[in-house]
Structures are given as C-alpha cells and as structure tokens.
C-alpha atoms as a PDB file:
ATOM      1  CA  MET A   1     -25.135 -25.027   5.643  1.00  0.00           C
ATOM      2  CA  SER A   2     -23.321 -21.673   4.304  1.00  0.00           C
ATOM      3  CA  ASN A   3     -23.346 -18.325   5.678  1.00  0.00           C
ATOM      4  CA  LEU A   4     -24.545 -15.329   4.016  1.00  0.00           C
ATOM      5  CA  THR A   5     -23.016 -12.004   4.120  1.00  0.00           C
ATOM      6  CA  ARG A   6     -24.157  -8.760   3.027  1.00  0.00           C
ATOM      7  CA  TRP A   7     -22.379  -6.943   0.326  1.00  0.00           C
ATOM      8  CA  GLU A   8     -21.707  -3.281   0.971  1.00  0.00           C
ATOM      9  CA  PRO A   9     -20.567  -1.413  -2.316  1.00  0.00           C
ATOM     10  CA  VAL A  10     -19.775   1.814  -0.286  1.00  0.00           C
ATOM     11  CA  HIS A  11     -16.485  -0.459   1.346  1.00  0.00           C
ATOM     12  CA  GLU A  12     -15.402  -1.241  -2.155  1.00  0.00           C
ATOM     13  CA  PHE A  13     -15.237   2.186  -3.354  1.00  0.00           C
ATOM     14  CA  LEU A  14     -13.473   3.247   0.078  1.00  0.00           C
ATOM     15  CA  SER A  15     -10.628   0.622  -0.554  1.00  0.00           C
ATOM     16  CA  LEU A  16     -10.247   2.018  -4.074  1.00  0.00           C
ATOM     17  CA  ARG A  17     -10.081   5.648  -2.835  1.00  0.00           C
ATOM     18  CA  ASP A  18      -7.300   4.232  -0.400  1.00  0.00           C
ATOM     19  CA  ALA A  19      -5.187   2.681  -3.124  1.00  0.00           C
ATOM     20  CA  MET A  20      -5.641   5.735  -5.274  1.00  0.00           C
ATOM     21  CA  ASP A  21      -4.550   8.124  -2.606  1.00  0.00           C
ATOM     22  CA  LYS A  22      -1.639   6.217  -1.829  1.00  0.00           C
ATOM     23  CA  LEU A  23      -0.620   5.818  -5.647  1.00  0.00           C
ATOM     24  CA  PHE A  24      -0.835   9.657  -5.483  1.00  0.00           C
ATOM     25  CA  ASP A  25       1.260  10.213  -2.344  1.00  0.00           C
ATOM     26  CA  GLU A  26       3.926   8.044  -3.660  1.00  0.00           C
ATOM     27  CA  MET A  27       3.979   9.263  -7.333  1.00  0.00           C
ATOM     28  CA  ILE A  28       4.655  12.970  -5.814  1.00  0.00           C
ATOM     29  CA  THR A  29       6.514  12.946  -2.768  1.00  0.00           C
ATOM     30  CA  GLN A  30       8.585  10.111  -3.302  1.00  0.00           C
ATOM     31  CA  PRO A  31      10.448  10.858  -0.031  1.00  0.00           C
ATOM     32  CA  GLY A  32      14.394   9.529   0.037  1.00  0.00           C
ATOM     33  CA  GLY A  33      14.310   8.868  -3.533  1.00  0.00           C
ATOM     34  CA  ILE A  34      13.703  10.830  -6.570  1.00  0.00           C
ATOM     35  CA  SER A  35      11.425  13.711  -7.036  1.00  0.00           C
ATOM     36  CA  PRO A  36       8.762  13.755  -9.826  1.00  0.00           C
ATOM     37  CA  LEU A  37      11.298  16.321 -11.248  1.00  0.00           C
ATOM     38  CA  GLY A  38      14.018  14.045 -11.285  1.00  0.00           C
ATOM     39  CA  GLN A  39      15.861  15.588  -8.565  1.00  0.00           C
ATOM     40  CA  ILE A  40      17.309  14.036  -5.319  1.00  0.00           C
ATOM     41  CA  ALA A  41      14.871  14.268  -2.351  1.00  0.00           C
ATOM     42  CA  PRO A  42      16.560  13.195   1.017  1.00  0.00           C
ATOM     43  CA  ALA A  43      14.205  11.231   3.665  1.00  0.00           C
ATOM     44  CA  LEU A  44      13.332  13.007   6.422  1.00  0.00           C
ATOM     45  CA  ASP A  45      11.227  12.919   9.644  1.00  0.00           C
ATOM     46  CA  MET A  46       9.715  15.702  11.534  1.00  0.00           C
ATOM     47  CA  TYR A  47       8.126  15.626  14.750  1.00  0.00           C
ATOM     48  CA  GLN A  48       7.326  18.322  17.520  1.00  0.00           C
ATOM     49  CA  THR A  49       7.371  18.690  21.441  1.00  0.00           C
ATOM     50  CA  ALA A  50       5.857  21.156  23.542  1.00  0.00           C
ATOM     51  CA  ASN A  51       8.511  23.452  22.911  1.00  0.00           C
ATOM     52  CA  GLU A  52      10.621  22.615  19.731  1.00  0.00           C
ATOM     53  CA  ILE A  53      10.206  20.934  16.163  1.00  0.00           C
ATOM     54  CA  VAL A  54      12.612  18.255  15.566  1.00  0.00           C
ATOM     55  CA  ILE A  55      13.589  17.217  12.076  1.00  0.00           C
ATOM     56  CA  LYS A  56      16.129  14.464  11.163  1.00  0.00           C
ATOM     57  CA  ALA A  57      17.146  13.985   7.443  1.00  0.00           C
ATOM     58  CA  SER A  58      19.263  10.993   5.919  1.00  0.00           C
ATOM     59  CA  LEU A  59      22.389  12.508   3.822  1.00  0.00           C
ATOM     60  CA  PRO A  60      24.480   9.541   3.733  1.00  0.00           C
ATOM     61  CA  GLY A  61      28.173  10.421   2.102  1.00  0.00           C
ATOM     62  CA  LEU A  62      27.991  14.064   2.703  1.00  0.00           C
ATOM     63  CA  SER A  63      29.705  16.337   5.395  1.00  0.00           C
ATOM     64  CA  ALA A  64      28.440  19.246   7.272  1.00  0.00           C
ATOM     65  CA  GLU A  65      30.378  21.581   4.582  1.00  0.00           C
ATOM     66  CA  ASP A  66      28.054  20.080   2.075  1.00  0.00           C
ATOM     67  CA  ILE A  67      24.825  21.234   3.272  1.00  0.00           C
ATOM     68  CA  ASP A  68      22.660  24.550   3.761  1.00  0.00           C
ATOM     69  CA  ILE A  69      19.986  24.986   5.961  1.00  0.00           C
ATOM     70  CA  SER A  70      17.573  28.060   5.827  1.00  0.00           C
ATOM     71  CA  ILE A  71      14.387  29.066   6.590  1.00  0.00           C
ATOM     72  CA  ALA A  72      11.879  31.497   5.246  1.00  0.00           C
ATOM     73  CA  GLY A  73       8.773  32.204   6.931  1.00  0.00           C
ATOM     74  CA  ASP A  74       7.298  29.167   7.630  1.00  0.00           C
ATOM     75  CA  VAL A  75       9.138  27.096   5.009  1.00  0.00           C
ATOM     76  CA  LEU A  76      12.387  25.403   5.857  1.00  0.00           C
ATOM     77  CA  THR A  77      15.082  24.519   2.856  1.00  0.00           C
ATOM     78  CA  ILE A  78      17.815  21.915   2.754  1.00  0.00           C
ATOM     79  CA  LYS A  79      20.328  22.238   0.275  1.00  0.00           C
ATOM     80  CA  GLY A  80      23.377  20.286  -0.466  1.00  0.00           C
ATOM     81  CA  GLU A  81      25.327  18.375  -3.548  1.00  0.00           C
ATOM     82  CA  MET A  82      26.477  14.773  -3.563  1.00  0.00           C
ATOM     83  CA  GLN A  83      29.565  13.984  -5.343  1.00  0.00           C
ATOM     84  CA  LYS A  84      29.698  11.435  -8.196  1.00  0.00           C
ATOM     85  CA  GLU A  85      32.471   8.840  -7.527  1.00  0.00           C
ATOM     86  CA  ILE A  86      35.133   8.207  -9.796  1.00  0.00           C
ATOM     87  CA  GLU A  87      34.001   5.045 -12.151  1.00  0.00           C
ATOM     88  CA  ASP A  88      36.056   2.249 -13.112  1.00  0.00           C
ATOM     89  CA  SER A  89      35.557   2.074 -16.776  1.00  0.00           C
ATOM     90  CA  LYS A  90      36.227  -1.211 -16.985  1.00  0.00           C
ATOM     91  CA  ALA A  91      33.677  -2.357 -14.386  1.00  0.00           C
ATOM     92  CA  THR A  92      30.313  -3.577 -15.405  1.00  0.00           C
ATOM     93  CA  TYR A  93      27.254  -2.351 -13.275  1.00  0.00           C
ATOM     94  CA  HIS A  94      24.582  -4.823 -12.314  1.00  0.00           C
ATOM     95  CA  ILE A  95      22.803  -2.387 -10.009  1.00  0.00           C
ATOM     96  CA  ARG A  96      23.184   1.372  -9.830  1.00  0.00           C
ATOM     97  CA  GLU A  97      20.653   2.995  -7.513  1.00  0.00           C
ATOM     98  CA  ARG A  98      23.068   5.370  -5.506  1.00  0.00           C
ATOM     99  CA  ARG A  99      22.240   9.054  -6.845  1.00  0.00           C
ATOM    100  CA  TRP A 100      24.582  12.222  -7.077  1.00  0.00           C
ATOM    101  CA  GLY A 101      23.924  15.796  -7.934  1.00  0.00           C
ATOM    102  CA  SER A 102      22.503  18.698  -6.263  1.00  0.00           C
ATOM    103  CA  PHE A 103      19.384  18.539  -4.116  1.00  0.00           C
ATOM    104  CA  THR A 104      16.759  20.960  -2.693  1.00  0.00           C
ATOM    105  CA  ARG A 105      14.280  19.732  -0.116  1.00  0.00           C
ATOM    106  CA  SER A 106      11.789  22.325   1.182  1.00  0.00           C
ATOM    107  CA  ILE A 107       8.949  21.616   4.030  1.00  0.00           C
ATOM    108  CA  ASN A 108       6.325  23.723   5.638  1.00  0.00           C
ATOM    109  CA  LEU A 109       6.857  24.109   9.279  1.00  0.00           C
ATOM    110  CA  PRO A 110       3.716  23.445  11.294  1.00  0.00           C
ATOM    111  CA  VAL A 111       4.277  26.317  13.643  1.00  0.00           C
ATOM    112  CA  PRO A 112       6.016  29.439  13.690  1.00  0.00           C
ATOM    113  CA  VAL A 113       9.830  28.829  15.327  1.00  0.00           C
ATOM    114  CA  VAL A 114      12.842  30.975  16.585  1.00  0.00           C
ATOM    115  CA  ALA A 115      14.977  30.581  13.365  1.00  0.00           C
ATOM    116  CA  ASP A 116      18.066  32.490  15.562  1.00  0.00           C
ATOM    117  CA  LYS A 117      17.876  29.886  18.245  1.00  0.00           C
ATOM    118  CA  ALA A 118      18.001  26.840  15.982  1.00  0.00           C
ATOM    119  CA  LYS A 119      20.516  24.020  16.531  1.00  0.00           C
ATOM    120  CA  ALA A 120      21.694  21.330  13.772  1.00  0.00           C
ATOM    121  CA  GLU A 121      23.898  18.441  14.317  1.00  0.00           C
ATOM    122  CA  PHE A 122      25.295  16.130  12.083  1.00  0.00           C
ATOM    123  CA  GLU A 123      26.594  12.901  12.780  1.00  0.00           C
ATOM    124  CA  ASN A 124      26.707   9.488  10.751  1.00  0.00           C
ATOM    125  CA  GLY A 125      24.850  10.908   7.706  1.00  0.00           C
ATOM    126  CA  VAL A 126      21.824  12.083   9.662  1.00  0.00           C
ATOM    127  CA  LEU A 127      21.272  15.585  10.033  1.00  0.00           C
ATOM    128  CA  ASN A 128      19.159  16.748  13.306  1.00  0.00           C
ATOM    129  CA  LEU A 129      17.551  20.070  13.236  1.00  0.00           C
ATOM    130  CA  ILE A 130      16.106  21.423  16.641  1.00  0.00           C
ATOM    131  CA  LEU A 131      14.166  24.283  16.104  1.00  0.00           C
ATOM    132  CA  PRO A 132      12.300  26.001  19.087  1.00  0.00           C
ATOM    133  CA  LYS A 133       9.153  26.955  18.688  1.00  0.00           C
ATOM    134  CA  ALA A 134       7.820  30.751  18.800  1.00  0.00           C
ATOM    135  CA  GLU A 135       6.892  31.975  22.417  1.00  0.00           C
ATOM    136  CA  GLU A 136       3.261  32.848  21.073  1.00  0.00           C
ATOM    137  CA  VAL A 137       2.664  29.082  20.193  1.00  0.00           C
ATOM    138  CA  ARG A 138       3.986  27.421  23.250  1.00  0.00           C
ATOM    139  CA  ALA A 139       1.100  25.963  25.585  1.00  0.00           C
ATOM    140  CA  LYS A 140       0.987  27.827  28.542  1.00  0.00           C
ATOM    141  CA  THR A 141      -0.388  26.664  31.784  1.00  0.00           C
ATOM    142  CA  ILE A 142      -3.032  28.807  33.870  1.00  0.00           C
ATOM    143  CA  THR A 143      -2.427  28.224  38.001  1.00  0.00           C
ATOM    144  CA  ILE A 144      -5.984  28.317  39.726  1.00  0.00           C
ATOM    145  CA  LYS A 145      -5.942  30.508  43.060  1.00  0.00           C
ATOM    146  CA  ALA A 146      -8.506  28.668  45.268  1.00  0.00           C
ATOM    147  CA  LYS A 147     -10.680  30.847  48.012  1.00  0.00           C
END
C-alpha cells in the first residue's frame, strides 16, 4: 500500500524565493572576498551587548599602521591597503587567490555610538572595535517602590 502526500504549491514557491534571496545576497555582499565593483572587502562580524557594539574584522597580513577607521553619523568605515608581494618571475602559479590593493568597507551601525570613547585593538590579523552605545539608547532600569 502506498502513502499519498498532498502537494502544496506554496511550499515550492517559498523554497525558490529563499534560493533567489541567497543568490542575490551573495552576489551583492560577498563578505571576505571581492565586492561587486571588484574591490577587496574584508570579512567582519558585528554584534551588540547592553552597552556597546563590537566589530571584529579579518585583515590578515596588515599591521595597525595600515588601517584607518572613521565614524561619520551612523556609518563606520574601515580603510587600508594590502601590499602586493614581490613575485618570483620563474614561478608558475597554480592557484592565486590572495588579493592586494586598497580597500574600503563601510557599514551602518544599528544604534548611535560615542565615537570619542571607541577602543580599537589589532592582534594576529584581527581588528577588534568596541564602540560604546550613546547614553540615550542604552536600556535603563526603573526601580519600583512598594508602599
């Protein structure tokens, strides 16, 4: 005896939509690789805690002096330049994926921050930014007085 399964065409459209969304997201953003304009785009993570925004960016092969960080309004911009290594003219490359050149990565911050109190550390090719949230967006607790 066989089981009959009801066909639901809406499910087919939802999975197609998810696949198209993923395709367009990868085509536009491509973190950690090449942007649609052919520029280097370093991969980064951003999360927030109760009091701060934390950003970690992968910038292998750079030093702290090679990186510029700025905040204008709610946009954080990370700029730098990856130097091209001197090539061995007699070598035949089989794979060449490492990128070189200047890059700029700008992201919108989810909440206002206090740029003057930002902290930046660079260790082992990872840039760690800690941006304190502005006082007006921090959660406040209200104490209740019982009578």
